[in-house]
């Protein structure tokens, strides 16, 4: 892959970052998860085969904070730079890809992050 520095640290593909990292604990994230109104679930075809690899990719490409890895699953937290509120990602490494749930303050943000994540996790 290309290092984030080589891409100017712009969340990949020369696109401006959608999110900024938000540092929080798993407990804090769990408490706020249900309060975010927008939710998108997708299955992303991917060659990634470990939660660690998935989290590294999310951190580098999506500019989110890696909250926790539990087995084949990982959770990340970010906040919109355009005022869409917080955005949480839950990824699970499955056969041939990743099951992704994106929770966000607005449907527009959830959709944008899903599109970005789909490209980042291929």
Foldseek 3Di string as FASTA:
>chain_A
DDACVVLVLQLDPVHHAFWAEDDDAPVVCVVCQVVQDDKDKDWAQAPDAACVVLLVLCCRRRNYAWHDDDGQKTKTKTAGPVPFGIKIWIWGGDVRTIIIMIGTNDNVSSVVSVVSSSVSGD
